Amino acid sequence: MDLKRIAKDTAQVLTSYLTYQSVRTVLDQLKETNLPRYYSFREFSSRERLQDGEAFIRDLFQAEPELALRIMTVRQHLAEEITEFLPEMVSANIQQSNMEHRKKHLERMTQMTSEDLAASVDRGSDWISELEDADSAKNEAETEADSSDSTDLSS
């Protein structure tokens, strides 16, 4: 397991996600302040590959450098705001999620249908009957043995 590579890939995904959130924020701002630019940027955003944040910004710089700078500024601000509590939040979310998945798995493993439960009860009562029969047979054998011992002693 290459932890450095995993961390690098995670940072890249997070960077692209923050780019996406920045685009949404800027679109919301433009919708309130500059409707023609909002429509233009919305169309650009739907056309370009927003899954790769870095490629999106490169393409945006060629089309509208001012918006690219604005997206980068918003993205930087978001990154600064969330990095303080993000590691703890991610760990807590993963722990909570894992616990829920384990709980559901355990519930599925331990659930029995009513038919399974009835069959289990029947098997249990059959088992108890078998034990009682075996115990009775043992007691009878001991009683016979005791009777033959006392007969042997009296002779």
Protein backbone atom coordinates (compact mmCIF):
# COMPACT_ATOMS: atom_id res chain seq x y z
CA MET A 1 0.00 0.00 0.00
CA ASP A 2 1.50 3.30 -1.14
CA LEU A 3 0.18 5.84 1.38
CA LYS A 4 1.87 8.79 -0.33
CA ARG A 5 0.18 7.93 -3.61
CA ILE A 6 -3.18 7.50 -1.88
CA ALA A 7 -2.75 10.89 -0.17
CA LYS A 8 -1.80 12.53 -3.48
CA ASP A 9 -4.81 11.02 -5.27
CA THR A 10 -7.10 12.06 -2.42
CA ALA A 11 -5.78 15.62 -2.56
CA GLN A 12 -6.38 15.69 -6.32
CA VAL A 13 -9.97 14.50 -5.91
CA LEU A 14 -10.56 17.02 -3.14
CA THR A 15 -9.07 19.81 -5.28
CA SER A 16 -11.41 18.93 -8.14
CA TYR A 17 -14.36 18.83 -5.75
CA LEU A 18 -13.46 22.25 -4.35
CA THR A 19 -13.23 23.54 -7.93
CA TYR A 20 -16.75 22.21 -8.52
CA GLN A 21 -18.01 23.90 -5.35
CA SER A 22 -16.30 27.12 -6.40
CA VAL A 23 -18.03 27.01 -9.76
CA ARG A 24 -21.38 26.56 -8.02
CA THR A 25 -20.64 29.48 -5.70
CA VAL A 26 -19.60 31.77 -8.56
CA LEU A 27 -22.64 30.72 -10.59
CA ASP A 28 -24.89 31.62 -7.66
CA GLN A 29 -23.17 35.01 -7.36
CA LEU A 30 -23.46 35.69 -11.10
CA LYS A 31 -27.13 34.73 -11.10
CA GLU A 32 -27.73 37.51 -8.57
CA THR A 33 -25.48 40.14 -10.15
CA ASN A 34 -24.90 39.48 -13.88
CA LEU A 35 -27.49 37.26 -15.56
CA PRO A 36 -25.97 37.24 -19.09
CA ARG A 37 -22.58 36.20 -17.68
CA TYR A 38 -24.30 33.60 -15.51
CA TYR A 39 -25.85 31.96 -18.59
CA SER A 40 -22.57 32.08 -20.47
CA PHE A 41 -20.59 30.56 -17.60
CA ARG A 42 -23.25 27.95 -16.90
CA GLU A 43 -23.10 26.85 -20.52
CA PHE A 44 -19.28 26.72 -20.40
CA SER A 45 -19.40 24.70 -17.16
CA SER A 46 -21.80 22.15 -18.58
CA ARG A 47 -19.67 21.76 -21.72
CA GLU A 48 -16.25 21.43 -20.09
CA ARG A 49 -14.95 18.54 -17.96
CA LEU A 50 -15.53 19.71 -14.44
CA GLN A 51 -14.49 16.30 -13.01
CA ASP A 52 -10.85 17.36 -13.50
CA GLY A 53 -10.60 20.69 -11.70
CA GLU A 54 -7.16 21.58 -13.06
CA ALA A 55 -8.14 20.92 -16.69
CA PHE A 56 -11.33 22.93 -16.15
CA ILE A 57 -9.38 25.95 -14.89
CA ARG A 58 -6.88 25.68 -17.79
CA ASP A 59 -9.77 25.70 -20.27
CA LEU A 60 -11.48 28.53 -18.39
CA PHE A 61 -8.29 30.63 -18.52
CA GLN A 62 -8.39 30.39 -22.30
CA ALA A 63 -12.07 31.34 -22.47
CA GLU A 64 -12.50 33.80 -19.57
CA PRO A 65 -9.37 34.53 -17.51
CA GLU A 66 -11.23 36.78 -15.06
CA LEU A 67 -13.62 33.96 -14.13
CA ALA A 68 -10.72 31.51 -13.85
CA LEU A 69 -9.04 33.82 -11.32
CA ARG A 70 -12.32 34.19 -9.45
CA ILE A 71 -12.80 30.40 -9.30
CA MET A 72 -9.24 29.96 -8.03
CA THR A 73 -9.79 32.61 -5.33
CA VAL A 74 -13.02 30.99 -4.13
CA ARG A 75 -11.41 27.54 -4.23
CA GLN A 76 -8.46 28.76 -2.15
CA HIS A 77 -10.82 30.33 0.38
CA LEU A 78 -12.85 27.11 0.67
CA ALA A 79 -9.68 25.07 1.12
CA GLU A 80 -8.45 27.35 3.89
CA GLU A 81 -11.79 27.21 5.67
CA ILE A 82 -12.22 23.43 5.64
CA THR A 83 -8.69 22.11 6.08
CA GLU A 84 -8.73 22.88 9.80
CA PHE A 85 -11.48 20.41 10.66
CA LEU A 86 -11.54 18.17 7.57
CA PRO A 87 -9.17 15.38 8.79
CA GLU A 88 -11.10 14.89 12.02
CA MET A 89 -14.44 15.04 10.20
CA VAL A 90 -13.34 12.48 7.58
CA SER A 91 -12.09 10.09 10.27
CA ALA A 92 -15.28 10.47 12.30
CA ASN A 93 -17.47 9.94 9.22
CA ILE A 94 -15.55 6.82 8.19
CA GLN A 95 -15.75 5.38 11.71
CA GLN A 96 -19.49 6.09 11.90
CA SER A 97 -20.10 4.65 8.44
CA ASN A 98 -18.08 1.51 9.18
CA MET A 99 -19.97 1.00 12.43
CA GLU A 100 -23.32 1.29 10.63
CA HIS A 101 -22.25 -1.15 7.92
CA ARG A 102 -21.01 -3.65 10.53
CA LYS A 103 -24.22 -3.29 12.52
CA LYS A 104 -26.39 -3.94 9.46
CA HIS A 105 -24.22 -6.90 8.46
CA LEU A 106 -24.53 -8.39 11.95
CA GLU A 107 -28.30 -7.84 11.91
CA ARG A 108 -28.56 -9.64 8.56
CA MET A 109 -26.43 -12.49 9.85
CA THR A 110 -28.50 -12.93 13.00
CA GLN A 111 -31.97 -12.45 11.58
CA MET A 112 -34.06 -15.56 11.37
CA THR A 113 -37.32 -15.96 9.50
CA SER A 114 -40.27 -17.21 11.51
CA GLU A 115 -39.94 -20.55 9.71
CA ASP A 116 -36.26 -20.78 10.71
CA LEU A 117 -37.19 -19.91 14.29
CA ALA A 118 -40.01 -22.51 14.41
CA ALA A 119 -37.72 -25.16 12.98
CA SER A 120 -35.08 -24.24 15.53
CA VAL A 121 -37.60 -24.53 18.38
CA ASP A 122 -38.80 -27.91 17.03
CA ARG A 123 -35.23 -29.15 16.80
CA GLY A 124 -34.65 -27.91 20.35
CA SER A 125 -37.71 -29.71 21.73
CA ASP A 126 -36.74 -32.89 19.82
CA TRP A 127 -33.27 -32.62 21.30
CA ILE A 128 -34.71 -32.18 24.80
CA SER A 129 -36.95 -35.24 24.29
CA GLU A 130 -33.94 -37.26 23.17
CA LEU A 131 -32.04 -36.18 26.29
CA GLU A 132 -34.96 -37.08 28.54
CA ASP A 133 -35.29 -40.51 26.84
CA ALA A 134 -31.57 -41.13 27.23
CA ASP A 135 -31.72 -40.05 30.87
CA SER A 136 -34.69 -42.38 31.52
CA ALA A 137 -32.89 -45.28 29.87
CA LYS A 138 -29.82 -44.59 31.99
CA ASN A 139 -31.91 -44.47 35.18
CA GLU A 140 -33.63 -47.75 34.27
CA ALA A 141 -30.26 -49.37 33.62
CA GLU A 142 -28.94 -48.13 36.96
CA THR A 143 -32.06 -49.37 38.74
CA GLU A 144 -31.68 -52.79 37.14
CA ALA A 145 -28.02 -52.84 38.07
CA ASP A 146 -28.83 -51.88 41.66
CA SER A 147 -31.52 -54.60 41.81
CA SER A 148 -29.14 -57.26 40.55
CA ASP A 149 -26.46 -56.10 43.00
CA SER A 150 -28.88 -56.35 45.94
CA THR A 151 -30.05 -59.78 44.71
CA ASP A 152 -26.43 -60.92 44.52
CA LEU A 153 -25.78 -59.66 48.05
CA SER A 154 -28.78 -61.45 49.57
CA SER A 155 -27.80 -64.80 48.08
